[in-house]
Structure formats: C-alpha cells, structure tokens
Amino acid sequence: MKQKDTEENMALEQADTGSPSSSGDEKEKTDWIGEIKSIGLLLLAVLAFHSLVAKPFYIPSVSMMPGLLVGDRLIVSKYAYGWSWVSPTFHILPRMEGRLMGSLPERGDIVILTPKDQSSDYIKRVIGLPGDTIALRGGQVFINNIPVPQEIQPDLELPVDANAPCSEDEFPGLQKTNASGELVCSLPILRETLPNGVSYDIIDLGPKYDVDEISPVTIPEGNLYLMGDNRDRSADSRVPARFGGLDGVIPWENIGGRAEFITFSLDGTTSLNPVSWISSFRGGRAGDSLRPDNASDPAE
C-alpha cells in the first residue's frame, strides 16, 4: 500500500509541476499570422508614403553635375505636381494621360521622370514649358528665339574620388593637381538664368558636341523640355532614344516628383568595414536645397 501511495503522490507532483509549464508554453507561442499582417501593413504604409508623399533618390550618373554628384542621396516630393500613373514606386499602373490635382513644374525645377518608352527613372531640369520654342546654338539655349543668358564663372575644382573619378572619357584633360597637391577635376562653369529669374550652374565642355546644335522645337500642350546641367554629358530631350536619351519632349504625366534637398553624399569608398561608412561621407553636402531661389514668372 505504501509503495502504491508513493507512486500516486509522485504522479500527482509530476502533473502539478507540468501543468504550469504547459500553460506557459501556450502563452509564449508566437502569433505568426498576426506578425505577418503587421509587417505587411508596415510595408504598405512605406510604399504609400513613397508613392504619395516623398521618396529617396540616388544619383547614378554625371548628367546633373555640378549641382548633383554621383553618390548624392536626395529626397523627392511626390505631391508637388499632383499624382499620375508614374507616382507609385514600382510604376504598377498602366500609362494614362492626365494628373490628379496636378500643376505644371516651373522653369528651373529639378524633376524625376520616366521616359516614354522605359521604366527607369531619370533626373533632369525643366527648361521649356508648353507653348515654348526651344533651340540650341553653339551650346546656348534659346527660348522663344531669345537667348538664355550665360555668364562665365571661375572653374570649379571638384575633388577626385571613386564616385567622381574625372575620367578621360567624360572630362578629357580636366584632371589636375591643385596648389594644395590634391587631385581635382577642373570644370568649366557657366551661370545660366532662365526667363523667370532662376539661375544655376552648368558644365559646358565646348562647342564640339552634337547636342550643342538643336533645331527649334515647339513644345506641345501637356509636355515639357528637359535638360541636364552637365550639358555635353546628358541624355536628355536633345538626345534620341536609341542613344539612351528622352527623345524630345516628355508628357507632363511622366513627371514623378520634384527634387527637394540632398540628405547625404558618399564618395564611393564604402565597404564591409564599418569604419568606411563614416569616412566615405562627403562633407558639406547634406541638407543642400535643390529648389531654385526665384521661381516666380514675371508678367509676360
């Protein structure tokens, strides 16, 4: 009897100690469906913000130098001109005309756009508006047969780095060593001023490039003429699609947003070493505004 009672007591003790553990295991079980729903809602919120409000953008080419360098990260506002088929981050909507709550960009605005026959994003400056006639003669822009003023500026000595190597292909003969012994790219700069008073710097490598001579083009309603600030190294409205250009004017609804400001800039030396994440930052570029100083059209 004693042995039987002892066995029953041990069984009861085991049951008592096991019960709370089982209950705790049940409480600690992860609600995977709930977690997946939460992550999904978070992703949807991020995509909605990127599509409707603002998104980051990375500068991959030299076409907008000297103002924008390869390695610059910036913020693009998606609501500045209203919304269209191009607004969603992944361009999932079919191409269609028109914009919701839309307004035209102003001359001089830097915009993100999707070309007529591509899905990738470009960044260029708005030069011509609907109704304008645009031409280039000797590298100078003419708007409605009036030359856009260009003032010669001192050469810009841009430090050479991995993202700005100043290669012979892009900037022939312009790499040099400055008085401090630093390797720099000495860029010829012109200050261009549009009819609405917006001014900005451009790079002009001289009159030997095909894009310096463009026959007059009248911009149809609902379209824009876009150019890069690095005038001889930009695949923009002057360049046919077969050469990677925009192939003329761009429909208003293909404009995805307006560039607002630089968040940070990297020189191209980032590696797996965490120390390089700090040393690769270019100083003095974070926070630089990309909006024109004066974008109010005078009475015409």
C-alpha atoms as a PDB file:
ATOM      1  CA  MET A   1       0.000   0.000   0.000  1.00  0.00           C
ATOM      2  CA  LYS A   2       2.771   2.388   0.934  1.00  0.00           C
ATOM      3  CA  GLN A   3       4.514   1.824  -2.395  1.00  0.00           C
ATOM      4  CA  LYS A   4       1.236   2.416  -4.247  1.00  0.00           C
ATOM      5  CA  ASP A   5       0.583   5.644  -2.312  1.00  0.00           C
ATOM      6  CA  THR A   6       4.115   6.830  -3.020  1.00  0.00           C
ATOM      7  CA  GLU A   7       3.698   6.213  -6.767  1.00  0.00           C
ATOM      8  CA  GLU A   8       0.366   8.082  -6.782  1.00  0.00           C
ATOM      9  CA  ASN A   9       1.920  11.061  -4.950  1.00  0.00           C
ATOM     10  CA  MET A  10       4.826  11.202  -7.419  1.00  0.00           C
ATOM     11  CA  ALA A  11       2.422  11.133 -10.347  1.00  0.00           C
ATOM     12  CA  LEU A  12       0.418  13.986  -8.807  1.00  0.00           C
ATOM     13  CA  GLU A  13       3.583  16.030  -8.229  1.00  0.00           C
ATOM     14  CA  GLN A  14       4.671  15.494 -11.824  1.00  0.00           C
ATOM     15  CA  ALA A  15       1.250  16.535 -13.047  1.00  0.00           C
ATOM     16  CA  ASP A  16       1.291  19.634 -10.834  1.00  0.00           C
ATOM     17  CA  THR A  17       4.737  20.742 -11.972  1.00  0.00           C
ATOM     18  CA  GLY A  18       3.948  20.028 -15.639  1.00  0.00           C
ATOM     19  CA  SER A  19       0.688  21.949 -15.794  1.00  0.00           C
ATOM     20  CA  PRO A  20       2.079  25.496 -15.374  1.00  0.00           C
ATOM     21  CA  SER A  21       4.876  24.721 -17.856  1.00  0.00           C
ATOM     22  CA  SER A  22       2.388  23.637 -20.489  1.00  0.00           C
ATOM     23  CA  SER A  23       0.307  26.738 -19.892  1.00  0.00           C
ATOM     24  CA  GLY A  24       3.410  28.936 -20.202  1.00  0.00           C
ATOM     25  CA  ASP A  25       4.376  27.267 -23.478  1.00  0.00           C
ATOM     26  CA  GLU A  26       0.942  28.014 -24.867  1.00  0.00           C
ATOM     27  CA  LYS A  27       1.202  31.657 -23.803  1.00  0.00           C
ATOM     28  CA  GLU A  28       4.674  32.011 -25.341  1.00  0.00           C
ATOM     29  CA  LYS A  29       3.630  30.746 -28.770  1.00  0.00           C
ATOM     30  CA  THR A  30       4.183  33.380 -31.485  1.00  0.00           C
ATOM     31  CA  ASP A  31       1.171  34.582 -33.451  1.00  0.00           C
ATOM     32  CA  TRP A  32       2.860  34.252 -36.847  1.00  0.00           C
ATOM     33  CA  ILE A  33      -0.237  35.273 -38.786  1.00  0.00           C
ATOM     34  CA  GLY A  34      -0.511  38.454 -36.735  1.00  0.00           C
ATOM     35  CA  GLU A  35       3.186  39.179 -37.175  1.00  0.00           C
ATOM     36  CA  ILE A  36       2.951  38.735 -40.953  1.00  0.00           C
ATOM     37  CA  LYS A  37      -0.086  41.026 -41.071  1.00  0.00           C
ATOM     38  CA  SER A  38       1.788  43.691 -39.087  1.00  0.00           C
ATOM     39  CA  ILE A  39       4.817  43.512 -41.377  1.00  0.00           C
ATOM     40  CA  GLY A  40       2.546  43.633 -44.426  1.00  0.00           C
ATOM     41  CA  LEU A  41       0.739  46.727 -43.130  1.00  0.00           C
ATOM     42  CA  LEU A  42       4.086  48.391 -42.398  1.00  0.00           C
ATOM     43  CA  LEU A  43       5.322  47.683 -45.935  1.00  0.00           C
ATOM     44  CA  LEU A  44       2.090  49.031 -47.398  1.00  0.00           C
ATOM     45  CA  ALA A  45       2.441  52.198 -45.309  1.00  0.00           C
ATOM     46  CA  VAL A  46       6.032  52.691 -46.527  1.00  0.00           C
ATOM     47  CA  LEU A  47       5.027  52.121 -50.167  1.00  0.00           C
ATOM     48  CA  ALA A  48       2.099  54.524 -49.799  1.00  0.00           C
ATOM     49  CA  PHE A  49       4.399  57.181 -48.338  1.00  0.00           C
ATOM     50  CA  HIS A  50       6.963  56.668 -51.128  1.00  0.00           C
ATOM     51  CA  SER A  51       4.232  56.808 -53.778  1.00  0.00           C
ATOM     52  CA  LEU A  52       2.191  59.741 -52.494  1.00  0.00           C
ATOM     53  CA  VAL A  53       4.396  61.909 -50.276  1.00  0.00           C
ATOM     54  CA  ALA A  54       8.167  61.555 -50.718  1.00  0.00           C
ATOM     55  CA  LYS A  55      10.864  59.034 -51.600  1.00  0.00           C
ATOM     56  CA  PRO A  56      14.675  58.843 -51.547  1.00  0.00           C
ATOM     57  CA  PHE A  57      16.583  59.001 -54.815  1.00  0.00           C
ATOM     58  CA  TYR A  58      20.172  58.096 -55.679  1.00  0.00           C
ATOM     59  CA  ILE A  59      22.219  59.956 -58.301  1.00  0.00           C
ATOM     60  CA  PRO A  60      23.778  57.322 -60.593  1.00  0.00           C
ATOM     61  CA  SER A  61      25.334  59.469 -63.355  1.00  0.00           C
ATOM     62  CA  VAL A  62      27.194  62.713 -64.097  1.00  0.00           C
ATOM     63  CA  SER A  63      24.332  64.264 -66.097  1.00  0.00           C
ATOM     64  CA  MET A  64      23.326  66.777 -63.386  1.00  0.00           C
ATOM     65  CA  MET A  65      26.791  67.943 -62.383  1.00  0.00           C
ATOM     66  CA  PRO A  66      27.956  70.289 -60.979  1.00  0.00           C
ATOM     67  CA  GLY A  67      24.932  70.577 -58.678  1.00  0.00           C
ATOM     68  CA  LEU A  68      24.406  66.841 -58.225  1.00  0.00           C
ATOM     69  CA  LEU A  69      27.220  64.310 -57.992  1.00  0.00           C
ATOM     70  CA  VAL A  70      27.267  60.546 -58.376  1.00  0.00           C
ATOM     71  CA  GLY A  71      26.730  59.251 -54.836  1.00  0.00           C
ATOM     72  CA  ASP A  72      24.335  62.008 -53.738  1.00  0.00           C
ATOM     73  CA  ARG A  73      21.185  60.853 -51.963  1.00  0.00           C
ATOM     74  CA  LEU A  74      18.228  63.205 -52.055  1.00  0.00           C
ATOM     75  CA  ILE A  75      14.545  63.497 -51.243  1.00  0.00           C
ATOM     76  CA  VAL A  76      11.906  63.802 -53.970  1.00  0.00           C
ATOM     77  CA  SER A  77       8.454  65.154 -53.136  1.00  0.00           C
ATOM     78  CA  LYS A  78       5.757  63.119 -54.920  1.00  0.00           C
ATOM     79  CA  TYR A  79       2.882  65.574 -54.358  1.00  0.00           C
ATOM     80  CA  ALA A  80       4.496  68.714 -55.834  1.00  0.00           C
ATOM     81  CA  TYR A  81       2.752  68.392 -59.229  1.00  0.00           C
ATOM     82  CA  GLY A  82      -0.108  66.078 -58.241  1.00  0.00           C
ATOM     83  CA  TRP A  83      -0.211  62.360 -58.964  1.00  0.00           C
ATOM     84  CA  SER A  84      -0.294  60.277 -62.149  1.00  0.00           C
ATOM     85  CA  TRP A  85       0.375  56.728 -63.342  1.00  0.00           C
ATOM     86  CA  VAL A  86       4.080  57.245 -62.646  1.00  0.00           C
ATOM     87  CA  SER A  87       3.628  58.125 -58.959  1.00  0.00           C
ATOM     88  CA  PRO A  88       3.598  54.573 -57.474  1.00  0.00           C
ATOM     89  CA  THR A  89       7.119  53.498 -56.572  1.00  0.00           C
ATOM     90  CA  PHE A  90       7.112  50.439 -58.830  1.00  0.00           C
ATOM     91  CA  HIS A  91       5.114  52.003 -61.717  1.00  0.00           C
ATOM     92  CA  ILE A  92       2.453  49.295 -61.489  1.00  0.00           C
ATOM     93  CA  LEU A  93      -0.282  51.371 -63.140  1.00  0.00           C
ATOM     94  CA  PRO A  94      -0.858  51.400 -66.912  1.00  0.00           C
ATOM     95  CA  ARG A  95       0.323  54.517 -68.713  1.00  0.00           C
ATOM     96  CA  MET A  96      -2.502  57.019 -68.954  1.00  0.00           C
ATOM     97  CA  GLU A  97      -2.923  60.720 -69.624  1.00  0.00           C
ATOM     98  CA  GLY A  98      -3.565  63.398 -67.033  1.00  0.00           C
ATOM     99  CA  ARG A  99      -2.811  64.016 -63.367  1.00  0.00           C
ATOM    100  CA  LEU A 100      -4.836  64.108 -60.174  1.00  0.00           C
ATOM    101  CA  MET A 101      -4.715  67.571 -58.524  1.00  0.00           C
ATOM    102  CA  GLY A 102      -1.930  68.408 -60.967  1.00  0.00           C
ATOM    103  CA  SER A 103       0.105  71.546 -61.560  1.00  0.00           C
ATOM    104  CA  LEU A 104       2.891  72.220 -64.061  1.00  0.00           C
ATOM    105  CA  PRO A 105       6.508  72.402 -62.934  1.00  0.00           C
ATOM    106  CA  GLU A 106       8.205  75.766 -63.156  1.00  0.00           C
ATOM    107  CA  ARG A 107      11.200  76.541 -65.322  1.00  0.00           C
ATOM    108  CA  GLY A 108      14.325  75.518 -63.482  1.00  0.00           C
ATOM    109  CA  ASP A 109      12.734  72.816 -61.316  1.00  0.00           C
ATOM    110  CA  ILE A 110      14.761  69.603 -60.993  1.00  0.00           C
ATOM    111  CA  VAL A 111      12.374  66.708 -61.568  1.00  0.00           C
ATOM    112  CA  ILE A 112      12.281  62.927 -61.553  1.00  0.00           C
ATOM    113  CA  LEU A 113      10.725  61.426 -64.676  1.00  0.00           C
ATOM    114  CA  THR A 114      10.128  58.175 -66.510  1.00  0.00           C
ATOM    115  CA  PRO A 115      10.888  58.260 -70.268  1.00  0.00           C
ATOM    116  CA  LYS A 116       8.171  57.468 -72.803  1.00  0.00           C
ATOM    117  CA  ASP A 117       9.498  54.001 -73.621  1.00  0.00           C
ATOM    118  CA  GLN A 118      11.301  52.998 -70.395  1.00  0.00           C
ATOM    119  CA  SER A 119      10.516  52.112 -66.794  1.00  0.00           C
ATOM    120  CA  SER A 120      13.659  53.528 -65.153  1.00  0.00           C
ATOM    121  CA  ASP A 121      13.738  56.968 -63.519  1.00  0.00           C
ATOM    122  CA  TYR A 122      15.784  59.916 -64.805  1.00  0.00           C
ATOM    123  CA  ILE A 123      16.554  63.253 -63.158  1.00  0.00           C
ATOM    124  CA  LYS A 124      16.704  66.445 -65.265  1.00  0.00           C
ATOM    125  CA  ARG A 125      15.946  70.171 -65.134  1.00  0.00           C
ATOM    126  CA  VAL A 126      12.808  71.723 -66.676  1.00  0.00           C
ATOM    127  CA  ILE A 127      13.890  74.162 -69.395  1.00  0.00           C
ATOM    128  CA  GLY A 128      10.790  74.562 -71.602  1.00  0.00           C
ATOM    129  CA  LEU A 129       7.070  74.690 -70.840  1.00  0.00           C
ATOM    130  CA  PRO A 130       4.057  74.040 -73.107  1.00  0.00           C
ATOM    131  CA  GLY A 131       3.985  76.548 -75.975  1.00  0.00           C
ATOM    132  CA  ASP A 132       7.692  77.418 -75.755  1.00  0.00           C
ATOM    133  CA  THR A 133      10.011  77.001 -78.732  1.00  0.00           C
ATOM    134  CA  ILE A 134      13.395  75.633 -77.665  1.00  0.00           C
ATOM    135  CA  ALA A 135      16.621  75.667 -79.700  1.00  0.00           C
ATOM    136  CA  LEU A 136      20.369  75.462 -79.047  1.00  0.00           C
ATOM    137  CA  ARG A 137      23.001  77.365 -80.966  1.00  0.00           C
ATOM    138  CA  GLY A 138      26.643  76.921 -80.050  1.00  0.00           C
ATOM    139  CA  GLY A 139      25.601  75.385 -76.740  1.00  0.00           C
ATOM    140  CA  GLN A 140      23.406  78.343 -75.747  1.00  0.00           C
ATOM    141  CA  VAL A 141      19.706  77.761 -75.089  1.00  0.00           C
ATOM    142  CA  PHE A 142      17.162  79.904 -76.929  1.00  0.00           C
ATOM    143  CA  ILE A 143      13.606  80.108 -75.556  1.00  0.00           C
ATOM    144  CA  ASN A 144      11.130  81.633 -77.987  1.00  0.00           C
ATOM    145  CA  ASN A 145      14.098  82.892 -80.049  1.00  0.00           C
ATOM    146  CA  ILE A 146      15.561  84.766 -77.047  1.00  0.00           C
ATOM    147  CA  PRO A 147      18.990  83.584 -75.815  1.00  0.00           C
ATOM    148  CA  VAL A 148      19.165  82.422 -72.223  1.00  0.00           C
ATOM    149  CA  PRO A 149      21.955  84.466 -70.574  1.00  0.00           C
ATOM    150  CA  GLN A 150      25.140  82.562 -69.695  1.00  0.00           C
ATOM    151  CA  GLU A 151      27.885  84.095 -67.549  1.00  0.00           C
ATOM    152  CA  ILE A 152      31.359  82.593 -67.349  1.00  0.00           C
ATOM    153  CA  GLN A 153      32.252  81.554 -63.793  1.00  0.00           C
ATOM    154  CA  PRO A 154      35.595  80.507 -62.261  1.00  0.00           C
ATOM    155  CA  ASP A 155      36.450  76.877 -62.929  1.00  0.00           C
ATOM    156  CA  LEU A 156      35.113  74.526 -60.255  1.00  0.00           C
ATOM    157  CA  GLU A 157      37.816  72.356 -58.691  1.00  0.00           C
ATOM    158  CA  LEU A 158      35.955  69.224 -57.675  1.00  0.00           C
ATOM    159  CA  PRO A 159      37.931  66.710 -55.566  1.00  0.00           C
ATOM    160  CA  VAL A 160      38.529  63.445 -57.403  1.00  0.00           C
ATOM    161  CA  ASP A 161      37.154  60.346 -55.659  1.00  0.00           C
ATOM    162  CA  ALA A 162      35.768  56.919 -56.565  1.00  0.00           C
ATOM    163  CA  ASN A 163      32.359  58.369 -57.471  1.00  0.00           C
ATOM    164  CA  ALA A 164      33.863  61.373 -59.258  1.00  0.00           C
ATOM    165  CA  PRO A 165      36.989  59.995 -60.985  1.00  0.00           C
ATOM    166  CA  CYS A 166      37.176  62.724 -63.673  1.00  0.00           C
ATOM    167  CA  SER A 167      37.896  60.112 -66.323  1.00  0.00           C
ATOM    168  CA  GLU A 168      39.285  60.994 -69.747  1.00  0.00           C
ATOM    169  CA  ASP A 169      36.115  59.638 -71.380  1.00  0.00           C
ATOM    170  CA  GLU A 170      33.848  62.037 -69.505  1.00  0.00           C
ATOM    171  CA  PHE A 171      36.104  65.033 -68.827  1.00  0.00           C
ATOM    172  CA  PRO A 172      39.083  64.893 -71.208  1.00  0.00           C
ATOM    173  CA  GLY A 173      42.135  66.799 -69.989  1.00  0.00           C
ATOM    174  CA  LEU A 174      40.398  68.278 -66.929  1.00  0.00           C
ATOM    175  CA  GLN A 175      42.050  66.227 -64.163  1.00  0.00           C
ATOM    176  CA  LYS A 176      44.908  68.081 -62.485  1.00  0.00           C
ATOM    177  CA  THR A 177      46.709  68.651 -59.184  1.00  0.00           C
ATOM    178  CA  ASN A 178      45.802  71.883 -57.407  1.00  0.00           C
ATOM    179  CA  ALA A 179      48.058  74.169 -55.371  1.00  0.00           C
ATOM    180  CA  SER A 180      47.464  72.053 -52.255  1.00  0.00           C
ATOM    181  CA  GLY A 181      48.616  68.894 -54.004  1.00  0.00           C
ATOM    182  CA  GLU A 182      45.092  67.455 -54.237  1.00  0.00           C
ATOM    183  CA  LEU A 183      43.829  65.664 -57.324  1.00  0.00           C
ATOM    184  CA  VAL A 184      40.871  67.649 -58.693  1.00  0.00           C
ATOM    185  CA  CYS A 185      38.629  67.883 -61.721  1.00  0.00           C
ATOM    186  CA  SER A 186      38.789  71.443 -63.032  1.00  0.00           C
ATOM    187  CA  LEU A 187      35.339  72.010 -64.571  1.00  0.00           C
ATOM    188  CA  PRO A 188      34.396  74.937 -66.862  1.00  0.00           C
ATOM    189  CA  ILE A 189      31.278  76.545 -65.363  1.00  0.00           C
ATOM    190  CA  LEU A 190      28.624  78.841 -66.839  1.00  0.00           C
ATOM    191  CA  ARG A 191      25.854  80.516 -64.845  1.00  0.00           C
ATOM    192  CA  GLU A 192      22.563  80.194 -66.733  1.00  0.00           C
ATOM    193  CA  THR A 193      19.493  82.339 -65.961  1.00  0.00           C
ATOM    194  CA  LEU A 194      16.030  81.388 -67.238  1.00  0.00           C
ATOM    195  CA  PRO A 195      13.280  83.917 -68.087  1.00  0.00           C
ATOM    196  CA  ASN A 196      11.671  83.526 -64.640  1.00  0.00           C
ATOM    197  CA  GLY A 197      14.896  84.544 -62.888  1.00  0.00           C
ATOM    198  CA  VAL A 198      16.021  81.062 -61.866  1.00  0.00           C
ATOM    199  CA  SER A 199      19.822  80.731 -62.012  1.00  0.00           C
ATOM    200  CA  TYR A 200      22.031  77.665 -61.732  1.00  0.00           C
ATOM    201  CA  ASP A 201      25.467  76.478 -62.790  1.00  0.00           C
ATOM    202  CA  ILE A 202      26.079  74.245 -65.802  1.00  0.00           C
ATOM    203  CA  ILE A 203      29.154  72.493 -67.206  1.00  0.00           C
ATOM    204  CA  ASP A 204      29.996  73.315 -70.834  1.00  0.00           C
ATOM    205  CA  LEU A 205      32.908  71.371 -72.322  1.00  0.00           C
ATOM    206  CA  GLY A 206      32.943  73.400 -75.534  1.00  0.00           C
ATOM    207  CA  PRO A 207      31.267  73.578 -78.962  1.00  0.00           C
ATOM    208  CA  LYS A 208      32.445  70.217 -80.322  1.00  0.00           C
ATOM    209  CA  TYR A 209      29.387  68.168 -79.283  1.00  0.00           C
ATOM    210  CA  ASP A 210      26.301  67.361 -81.383  1.00  0.00           C
ATOM    211  CA  VAL A 211      23.917  68.382 -78.591  1.00  0.00           C
ATOM    212  CA  ASP A 212      25.197  71.987 -78.824  1.00  0.00           C
ATOM    213  CA  GLU A 213      23.173  72.498 -82.021  1.00  0.00           C
ATOM    214  CA  ILE A 214      19.454  71.683 -81.796  1.00  0.00           C
ATOM    215  CA  SER A 215      16.867  72.863 -84.323  1.00  0.00           C
ATOM    216  CA  PRO A 216      13.848  74.726 -82.925  1.00  0.00           C
ATOM    217  CA  VAL A 217      11.272  72.506 -81.197  1.00  0.00           C
ATOM    218  CA  THR A 218       7.842  73.827 -80.204  1.00  0.00           C
ATOM    219  CA  ILE A 219       6.572  72.117 -77.045  1.00  0.00           C
ATOM    220  CA  PRO A 220       3.021  70.746 -77.367  1.00  0.00           C
ATOM    221  CA  GLU A 221       0.370  71.237 -74.690  1.00  0.00           C
ATOM    222  CA  GLY A 222       0.919  68.969 -71.699  1.00  0.00           C
ATOM    223  CA  ASN A 223       4.621  68.395 -72.414  1.00  0.00           C
ATOM    224  CA  LEU A 224       7.979  69.625 -71.095  1.00  0.00           C
ATOM    225  CA  TYR A 225      11.520  70.034 -72.447  1.00  0.00           C
ATOM    226  CA  LEU A 226      14.183  68.735 -70.064  1.00  0.00           C
ATOM    227  CA  MET A 227      17.965  69.055 -69.966  1.00  0.00           C
ATOM    228  CA  GLY A 228      20.828  68.021 -67.713  1.00  0.00           C
ATOM    229  CA  ASP A 229      23.135  70.627 -66.177  1.00  0.00           C
ATOM    230  CA  ASN A 230      26.187  68.745 -67.481  1.00  0.00           C
ATOM    231  CA  ARG A 231      25.247  69.853 -70.972  1.00  0.00           C
ATOM    232  CA  ASP A 232      27.644  67.732 -73.006  1.00  0.00           C
ATOM    233  CA  ARG A 233      27.201  64.594 -70.913  1.00  0.00           C
ATOM    234  CA  SER A 234      23.427  64.365 -70.515  1.00  0.00           C
ATOM    235  CA  ALA A 235      20.987  62.039 -72.311  1.00  0.00           C
ATOM    236  CA  ASP A 236      18.007  64.393 -72.197  1.00  0.00           C
ATOM    237  CA  SER A 237      15.335  65.848 -74.524  1.00  0.00           C
ATOM    238  CA  ARG A 238      18.044  66.655 -77.093  1.00  0.00           C
ATOM    239  CA  VAL A 239      19.128  63.004 -77.441  1.00  0.00           C
ATOM    240  CA  PRO A 240      17.290  60.254 -79.396  1.00  0.00           C
ATOM    241  CA  ALA A 241      16.007  57.214 -77.519  1.00  0.00           C
ATOM    242  CA  ARG A 242      18.407  54.906 -79.400  1.00  0.00           C
ATOM    243  CA  PHE A 243      21.265  56.671 -77.602  1.00  0.00           C
ATOM    244  CA  GLY A 244      19.560  56.462 -74.218  1.00  0.00           C
ATOM    245  CA  GLY A 245      18.002  59.937 -74.359  1.00  0.00           C
ATOM    246  CA  LEU A 246      14.485  61.226 -73.736  1.00  0.00           C
ATOM    247  CA  ASP A 247      13.809  61.565 -77.460  1.00  0.00           C
ATOM    248  CA  GLY A 248      12.256  65.019 -77.383  1.00  0.00           C
ATOM    249  CA  VAL A 249       9.567  66.422 -75.137  1.00  0.00           C
ATOM    250  CA  ILE A 250       8.207  64.475 -72.169  1.00  0.00           C
ATOM    251  CA  PRO A 251       4.494  64.207 -71.296  1.00  0.00           C
ATOM    252  CA  TRP A 252       3.524  66.035 -68.105  1.00  0.00           C
ATOM    253  CA  GLU A 253       2.140  62.835 -66.554  1.00  0.00           C
ATOM    254  CA  ASN A 254       5.583  61.172 -66.837  1.00  0.00           C
ATOM    255  CA  ILE A 255       6.959  63.532 -64.180  1.00  0.00           C
ATOM    256  CA  GLY A 256       7.224  61.625 -60.904  1.00  0.00           C
ATOM    257  CA  GLY A 257       8.179  64.391 -58.488  1.00  0.00           C
ATOM    258  CA  ARG A 258      10.404  67.329 -57.611  1.00  0.00           C
ATOM    259  CA  ALA A 259      13.898  67.069 -56.121  1.00  0.00           C
ATOM    260  CA  GLU A 260      13.942  68.930 -52.797  1.00  0.00           C
ATOM    261  CA  PHE A 261      17.243  68.553 -50.917  1.00  0.00           C
ATOM    262  CA  ILE A 262      20.328  66.365 -50.516  1.00  0.00           C
ATOM    263  CA  THR A 263      20.268  64.106 -47.470  1.00  0.00           C
ATOM    264  CA  PHE A 264      23.874  62.871 -47.689  1.00  0.00           C
ATOM    265  CA  SER A 265      26.575  62.030 -50.215  1.00  0.00           C
ATOM    266  CA  LEU A 266      29.060  59.141 -50.491  1.00  0.00           C
ATOM    267  CA  ASP A 267      32.395  59.173 -52.299  1.00  0.00           C
ATOM    268  CA  GLY A 268      32.231  55.531 -53.392  1.00  0.00           C
ATOM    269  CA  THR A 269      34.677  54.022 -50.889  1.00  0.00           C
ATOM    270  CA  THR A 270      32.077  52.315 -48.691  1.00  0.00           C
ATOM    271  CA  SER A 271      32.972  48.696 -47.901  1.00  0.00           C
ATOM    272  CA  LEU A 272      32.048  45.984 -45.396  1.00  0.00           C
ATOM    273  CA  ASN A 273      34.313  47.689 -42.880  1.00  0.00           C
ATOM    274  CA  PRO A 274      32.049  49.848 -40.634  1.00  0.00           C
ATOM    275  CA  VAL A 275      34.777  52.480 -40.398  1.00  0.00           C
ATOM    276  CA  SER A 276      34.360  53.168 -44.126  1.00  0.00           C
ATOM    277  CA  TRP A 277      30.692  54.030 -43.586  1.00  0.00           C
ATOM    278  CA  ILE A 278      31.788  57.209 -41.855  1.00  0.00           C
ATOM    279  CA  SER A 279      34.925  58.020 -43.833  1.00  0.00           C
ATOM    280  CA  SER A 280      33.060  57.736 -47.164  1.00  0.00           C
ATOM    281  CA  PHE A 281      30.710  60.628 -46.370  1.00  0.00           C
ATOM    282  CA  ARG A 282      31.362  63.768 -48.403  1.00  0.00           C
ATOM    283  CA  GLY A 283      31.373  66.783 -46.150  1.00  0.00           C
ATOM    284  CA  GLY A 284      29.283  69.885 -46.710  1.00  0.00           C
ATOM    285  CA  ARG A 285      26.575  68.418 -48.960  1.00  0.00           C
ATOM    286  CA  ALA A 286      23.927  67.202 -46.523  1.00  0.00           C
ATOM    287  CA  GLY A 287      20.911  69.489 -46.385  1.00  0.00           C
ATOM    288  CA  ASP A 288      21.674  71.429 -49.580  1.00  0.00           C
ATOM    289  CA  SER A 289      18.407  72.628 -51.103  1.00  0.00           C
ATOM    290  CA  LEU A 290      17.674  71.790 -54.746  1.00  0.00           C
ATOM    291  CA  ARG A 291      14.885  74.336 -55.118  1.00  0.00           C
ATOM    292  CA  PRO A 292      15.504  77.462 -57.204  1.00  0.00           C
ATOM    293  CA  ASP A 293      15.925  80.740 -55.350  1.00  0.00           C
ATOM    294  CA  ASN A 294      13.433  82.603 -57.545  1.00  0.00           C
ATOM    295  CA  ALA A 295      10.755  80.706 -59.425  1.00  0.00           C
ATOM    296  CA  SER A 296       8.104  83.378 -59.900  1.00  0.00           C
ATOM    297  CA  ASP A 297       7.383  84.106 -63.538  1.00  0.00           C
ATOM    298  CA  PRO A 298       7.212  87.825 -64.299  1.00  0.00           C
ATOM    299  CA  ALA A 299       4.181  89.086 -66.182  1.00  0.00           C
ATOM    300  CA  GLU A 300       4.584  88.278 -69.841  1.00  0.00           C
END
